[in-house]
């Protein structure tokens, strides 16, 4: 009886192992193309060499303009960098490129080796995605030009809608400098469209809009980013215009309540 049970167990194992293997979903193959890390802080480029090998280039930007840069080949989902001049073969950087839905998630497998390719405040990790057709660099430039055309034609409400749609569609693929520049434009369009409160709310989402003055901005940003941030004065100017418009509206409302025909105590 014991021998029969053992045979049955072995038979079950022989049947279930192939079924488990057959049911396992294989890893999706990586596709050639250009992938952008969230916030436009990195670019991963995959391409096929003439030999058929999948090659990669990976460049990222961290705080205070620190950078990472690496290139090499991908086998399966493991990326291996080309050895630096002072590296031995066992010291190269290895990365994991895993497909996660629409993203390629990059993980570092050899931290010490990969750190040689990076500044102190930069890293390779993150989610990289192909931008949709309406969020490529060319498309964004065209959409911003369309905004300006609408704004100068005094179609302020339409211009505001265009800028809002651009931010909604493409924020994941825009560097935060660019987002602040678009929000500054959007706020002015909202103001001209008679929406000063929306104008103020938009500016409050920018780096300059979150502080009172240059000293506050200097304290909030790393030195290189502070020096490169060109929109502070425009944002503060637009903020004053929005605040003045809100104050004027309140005054007009008070005057209306107390003017001719208003109820008397």
Protein backbone atom coordinates (compact mmCIF):
# COMPACT_ATOMS: atom_id res chain seq x y z
CA UNK A 1 0.00 0.00 0.00
CA UNK A 2 2.82 2.41 0.88
CA UNK A 3 4.52 1.70 -2.43
CA UNK A 4 1.32 2.50 -4.32
CA UNK A 5 0.94 5.82 -2.52
CA UNK A 6 4.51 6.76 -3.39
CA UNK A 7 3.85 6.02 -7.05
CA UNK A 8 0.74 8.20 -6.96
CA UNK A 9 2.65 11.10 -5.38
CA UNK A 10 5.40 10.87 -8.01
CA UNK A 11 2.80 10.79 -10.76
CA UNK A 12 1.14 13.93 -9.39
CA UNK A 13 4.49 15.73 -9.24
CA UNK A 14 5.32 14.77 -12.80
CA UNK A 15 1.99 16.20 -13.98
CA UNK A 16 1.98 19.40 -11.92
CA UNK A 17 5.54 20.56 -12.65
CA UNK A 18 4.99 20.84 -16.44
CA UNK A 19 1.65 22.53 -15.83
CA UNK A 20 3.25 25.11 -13.54
CA UNK A 21 5.98 25.84 -16.08
CA UNK A 22 3.47 26.05 -18.93
CA UNK A 23 1.27 28.41 -16.93
CA UNK A 24 4.08 30.81 -16.00
CA UNK A 25 3.96 34.03 -18.02
CA UNK A 26 7.31 34.72 -19.71
CA UNK A 27 8.97 38.08 -19.22
CA UNK A 28 7.98 40.56 -21.92
CA UNK A 29 10.79 41.42 -24.31
CA UNK A 30 12.30 44.88 -24.04
CA UNK A 31 11.58 47.06 -27.07
CA UNK A 32 13.91 49.51 -28.76
CA UNK A 33 13.10 53.16 -28.21
CA UNK A 34 13.61 56.14 -25.95
CA UNK A 35 12.16 56.04 -22.45
CA UNK A 36 11.88 59.03 -20.10
CA UNK A 37 12.15 58.80 -16.33
CA UNK A 38 9.29 60.39 -14.42
CA UNK A 39 9.74 64.16 -14.34
CA UNK A 40 12.14 64.13 -17.31
CA UNK A 41 15.06 63.38 -14.98
CA UNK A 42 16.56 60.59 -17.05
CA UNK A 43 16.65 59.03 -20.50
CA UNK A 44 17.00 55.34 -21.31
CA UNK A 45 17.71 54.52 -24.95
CA UNK A 46 17.48 50.92 -26.21
CA UNK A 47 18.59 49.97 -29.73
CA UNK A 48 19.54 46.88 -31.69
CA UNK A 49 23.13 46.66 -32.88
CA UNK A 50 24.00 45.16 -36.26
CA UNK A 51 24.98 42.02 -34.41
CA UNK A 52 21.44 41.77 -33.03
CA UNK A 53 22.54 42.57 -29.48
CA UNK A 54 20.35 44.98 -27.51
CA UNK A 55 22.41 48.01 -26.50
CA UNK A 56 21.49 50.67 -23.96
CA UNK A 57 22.46 54.19 -22.96
CA UNK A 58 21.25 55.56 -19.64
CA UNK A 59 21.67 59.15 -18.45
CA UNK A 60 20.03 60.69 -15.40
CA UNK A 61 19.97 64.02 -13.59
CA UNK A 62 19.86 64.37 -9.83
CA UNK A 63 19.76 67.25 -7.38
CA UNK A 64 22.18 70.14 -7.83
CA UNK A 65 22.93 68.98 -11.41
CA UNK A 66 24.63 65.74 -10.35
CA UNK A 67 24.49 63.16 -13.12
CA UNK A 68 24.71 59.43 -13.89
CA UNK A 69 25.80 57.99 -17.21
CA UNK A 70 26.25 54.41 -18.41
CA UNK A 71 26.16 52.35 -21.60
CA UNK A 72 26.43 48.68 -22.46
CA UNK A 73 24.39 45.65 -23.49
CA UNK A 74 21.23 43.97 -22.24
CA UNK A 75 20.77 40.21 -21.96
CA UNK A 76 17.23 39.22 -21.06
CA UNK A 77 16.50 42.00 -18.60
CA UNK A 78 20.01 42.34 -17.11
CA UNK A 79 22.00 45.32 -18.35
CA UNK A 80 25.78 45.25 -18.04
CA UNK A 81 27.80 48.41 -18.55
CA UNK A 82 30.98 48.71 -20.53
CA UNK A 83 33.94 48.57 -18.16
CA UNK A 84 35.46 51.90 -17.21
CA UNK A 85 39.16 52.33 -17.86
CA UNK A 86 40.08 51.51 -14.26
CA UNK A 87 37.57 48.67 -13.82
CA UNK A 88 38.12 44.94 -13.84
CA UNK A 89 35.51 42.74 -15.59
CA UNK A 90 33.97 41.74 -12.26
CA UNK A 91 33.58 45.38 -11.23
CA UNK A 92 31.15 46.50 -13.94
CA UNK A 93 27.74 47.96 -13.12
CA UNK A 94 24.75 45.65 -13.55
CA UNK A 95 21.18 46.87 -13.72
CA UNK A 96 17.79 45.17 -13.86
CA UNK A 97 15.37 46.42 -16.54
CA UNK A 98 11.95 45.05 -15.57
CA UNK A 99 8.79 45.81 -17.53
CA UNK A 100 6.08 47.09 -15.18
CA UNK A 101 2.96 47.85 -17.21
CA UNK A 102 3.83 50.82 -19.46
CA UNK A 103 7.13 51.43 -17.64
CA UNK A 104 10.59 49.95 -17.54
CA UNK A 105 11.61 49.88 -13.89
CA UNK A 106 15.36 50.22 -13.44
CA UNK A 107 17.00 48.72 -10.36
CA UNK A 108 20.67 48.65 -9.44
CA UNK A 109 22.09 45.17 -8.83
CA UNK A 110 25.71 46.11 -8.00
CA UNK A 111 25.49 49.29 -5.94
CA UNK A 112 29.19 49.92 -5.36
CA UNK A 113 30.08 49.35 -9.00
CA UNK A 114 27.21 51.46 -10.34
CA UNK A 115 28.03 54.35 -8.00
CA UNK A 116 31.21 54.91 -10.04
CA UNK A 117 28.98 56.11 -12.88
CA UNK A 118 27.10 58.66 -10.75
CA UNK A 119 27.53 61.90 -8.92
CA UNK A 120 26.80 61.91 -5.20
CA UNK A 121 23.20 63.13 -5.60
CA UNK A 122 22.18 61.17 -8.68
CA UNK A 123 20.97 57.62 -9.26
CA UNK A 124 19.79 55.29 -12.03
CA UNK A 125 16.70 53.89 -10.30
CA UNK A 126 13.20 54.82 -11.35
CA UNK A 127 10.39 54.22 -13.83
CA UNK A 128 11.05 55.04 -17.49
CA UNK A 129 8.24 55.34 -20.07
CA UNK A 130 7.83 56.13 -23.74
CA UNK A 131 6.11 59.51 -24.05
CA UNK A 132 2.84 59.47 -26.02
CA UNK A 133 2.79 61.24 -29.37
CA UNK A 134 1.29 64.42 -27.87
CA UNK A 135 4.05 64.66 -25.23
CA UNK A 136 7.21 64.31 -27.30
CA UNK A 137 9.65 67.23 -27.26
CA UNK A 138 8.37 68.38 -30.66
CA UNK A 139 4.71 68.04 -29.67
CA UNK A 140 5.21 69.99 -26.43
CA UNK A 141 6.91 72.83 -28.33
CA UNK A 142 4.00 72.91 -30.81
CA UNK A 143 1.42 72.94 -28.03
CA UNK A 144 3.19 75.81 -26.25
CA UNK A 145 3.33 77.74 -29.51
CA UNK A 146 -0.41 77.18 -29.92
CA UNK A 147 -0.96 78.55 -26.40
CA UNK A 148 0.96 81.74 -27.28
CA UNK A 149 -1.02 82.14 -30.49
CA UNK A 150 -4.29 81.89 -28.56
CA UNK A 151 -3.07 84.21 -25.81
CA UNK A 152 -1.94 86.94 -28.22
CA UNK A 153 -5.28 86.63 -30.03
CA UNK A 154 -6.88 87.45 -26.65
CA UNK A 155 -8.48 84.01 -26.52
CA UNK A 156 -7.46 83.81 -22.89
CA UNK A 157 -9.91 81.16 -21.71
CA UNK A 158 -8.98 78.91 -24.64
CA UNK A 159 -5.27 79.50 -23.99
CA UNK A 160 -5.75 78.54 -20.34
CA UNK A 161 -7.49 75.33 -21.40
CA UNK A 162 -4.58 74.51 -23.72
CA UNK A 163 -2.00 74.98 -20.96
CA UNK A 164 -4.06 72.98 -18.48
CA UNK A 165 -4.38 70.12 -20.97
CA UNK A 166 -0.63 70.14 -21.61
CA UNK A 167 0.13 69.82 -17.90
CA UNK A 168 -2.50 67.13 -17.43
CA UNK A 169 -1.28 65.07 -20.38
CA UNK A 170 2.46 65.46 -20.07
CA UNK A 171 3.57 66.32 -16.52
CA UNK A 172 5.29 62.94 -16.13
CA UNK A 173 7.49 63.79 -19.11
CA UNK A 174 8.28 67.41 -18.23
CA UNK A 175 11.13 68.63 -16.04
CA UNK A 176 9.91 70.70 -13.13
CA UNK A 177 11.52 73.87 -14.57
CA UNK A 178 9.36 73.42 -17.67
CA UNK A 179 6.26 72.75 -15.59
CA UNK A 180 6.79 75.98 -13.63
CA UNK A 181 7.26 77.93 -16.86
CA UNK A 182 3.99 76.54 -18.24
CA UNK A 183 2.18 77.30 -14.97
CA UNK A 184 3.42 80.89 -15.07
CA UNK A 185 1.94 81.25 -18.57
CA UNK A 186 -1.26 79.48 -17.51
CA UNK A 187 -1.73 81.78 -14.52
CA UNK A 188 -1.50 84.88 -16.68
CA UNK A 189 -4.05 83.45 -19.11
CA UNK A 190 -6.36 82.65 -16.19
CA UNK A 191 -5.98 86.20 -14.89
CA UNK A 192 -6.82 87.71 -18.29
CA UNK A 193 -9.80 85.33 -18.51
CA UNK A 194 -11.19 86.80 -15.28
CA UNK A 195 -10.09 83.94 -13.01
CA UNK A 196 -7.69 85.56 -10.49
CA UNK A 197 -8.27 82.91 -7.81
CA UNK A 198 -7.39 80.16 -10.28
CA UNK A 199 -4.35 82.22 -11.26
CA UNK A 200 -3.17 82.35 -7.66
CA UNK A 201 -3.82 78.64 -7.10
CA UNK A 202 -1.77 77.79 -10.19
CA UNK A 203 1.20 79.88 -9.07
CA UNK A 204 1.13 78.29 -5.62
CA UNK A 205 2.17 75.03 -7.29
CA UNK A 206 5.47 76.52 -8.52
CA UNK A 207 8.74 76.66 -6.60
CA UNK A 208 8.70 80.47 -6.59
CA UNK A 209 5.02 80.58 -5.68
CA UNK A 210 5.67 78.59 -2.52
CA UNK A 211 8.05 81.22 -1.09
CA UNK A 212 7.91 84.95 -0.48
CA UNK A 213 11.13 86.19 -2.06
CA UNK A 214 14.63 85.44 -3.32
CA UNK A 215 15.91 84.50 0.12
CA UNK A 216 13.13 81.98 0.53
CA UNK A 217 13.85 80.54 -2.90
CA UNK A 218 17.58 80.34 -2.19
CA UNK A 219 16.85 78.39 0.99
CA UNK A 220 14.45 76.04 -0.80
CA UNK A 221 16.61 75.03 -3.78
CA UNK A 222 20.06 73.49 -4.24
CA UNK A 223 22.60 76.10 -5.45
CA UNK A 224 22.75 75.05 -9.12
CA UNK A 225 18.97 74.83 -9.41
CA UNK A 226 18.60 78.22 -7.72
CA UNK A 227 21.04 79.80 -10.18
CA UNK A 228 19.28 78.18 -13.16
CA UNK A 229 15.71 78.98 -12.15
CA UNK A 230 14.70 81.84 -14.47
CA UNK A 231 11.00 82.25 -13.73
CA UNK A 232 10.93 83.57 -10.17
CA UNK A 233 10.50 87.27 -10.95
CA UNK A 234 7.81 86.61 -13.56
CA UNK A 235 5.92 84.35 -11.15
CA UNK A 236 6.10 86.87 -8.32
CA UNK A 237 4.96 89.66 -10.67
CA UNK A 238 2.02 87.56 -11.85
CA UNK A 239 1.20 86.67 -8.25
CA UNK A 240 0.94 90.37 -7.36
CA UNK A 241 -1.37 90.93 -10.33
CA UNK A 242 -3.60 88.05 -9.23
CA UNK A 243 -3.71 89.31 -5.64
CA UNK A 244 -4.56 92.83 -6.81
CA UNK A 245 -7.35 91.50 -9.02
CA UNK A 246 -8.80 89.53 -6.12
CA UNK A 247 -8.62 92.59 -3.84
CA UNK A 248 -10.27 94.80 -6.46
CA UNK A 249 -13.05 92.25 -6.88
CA UNK A 250 -13.68 92.21 -3.13
CA UNK A 251 -13.80 96.02 -3.04
CA UNK A 252 -16.28 96.13 -5.94
CA UNK A 253 -18.48 93.56 -4.21
CA UNK A 254 -18.46 95.60 -0.99
CA UNK A 255 -19.29 98.77 -2.90
CA UNK A 256 -22.14 96.98 -4.63
CA UNK A 257 -23.61 95.81 -1.35
CA UNK A 258 -23.45 99.31 0.14
CA UNK A 259 -24.42 101.30 -2.94
CA UNK A 260 -27.78 102.70 -4.04
CA UNK A 261 -30.64 100.35 -3.26
CA UNK A 262 -28.67 98.42 -0.67
CA UNK A 263 -30.56 97.48 2.48
CA UNK A 264 -30.18 99.91 5.34
CA UNK A 265 -30.04 98.82 8.99
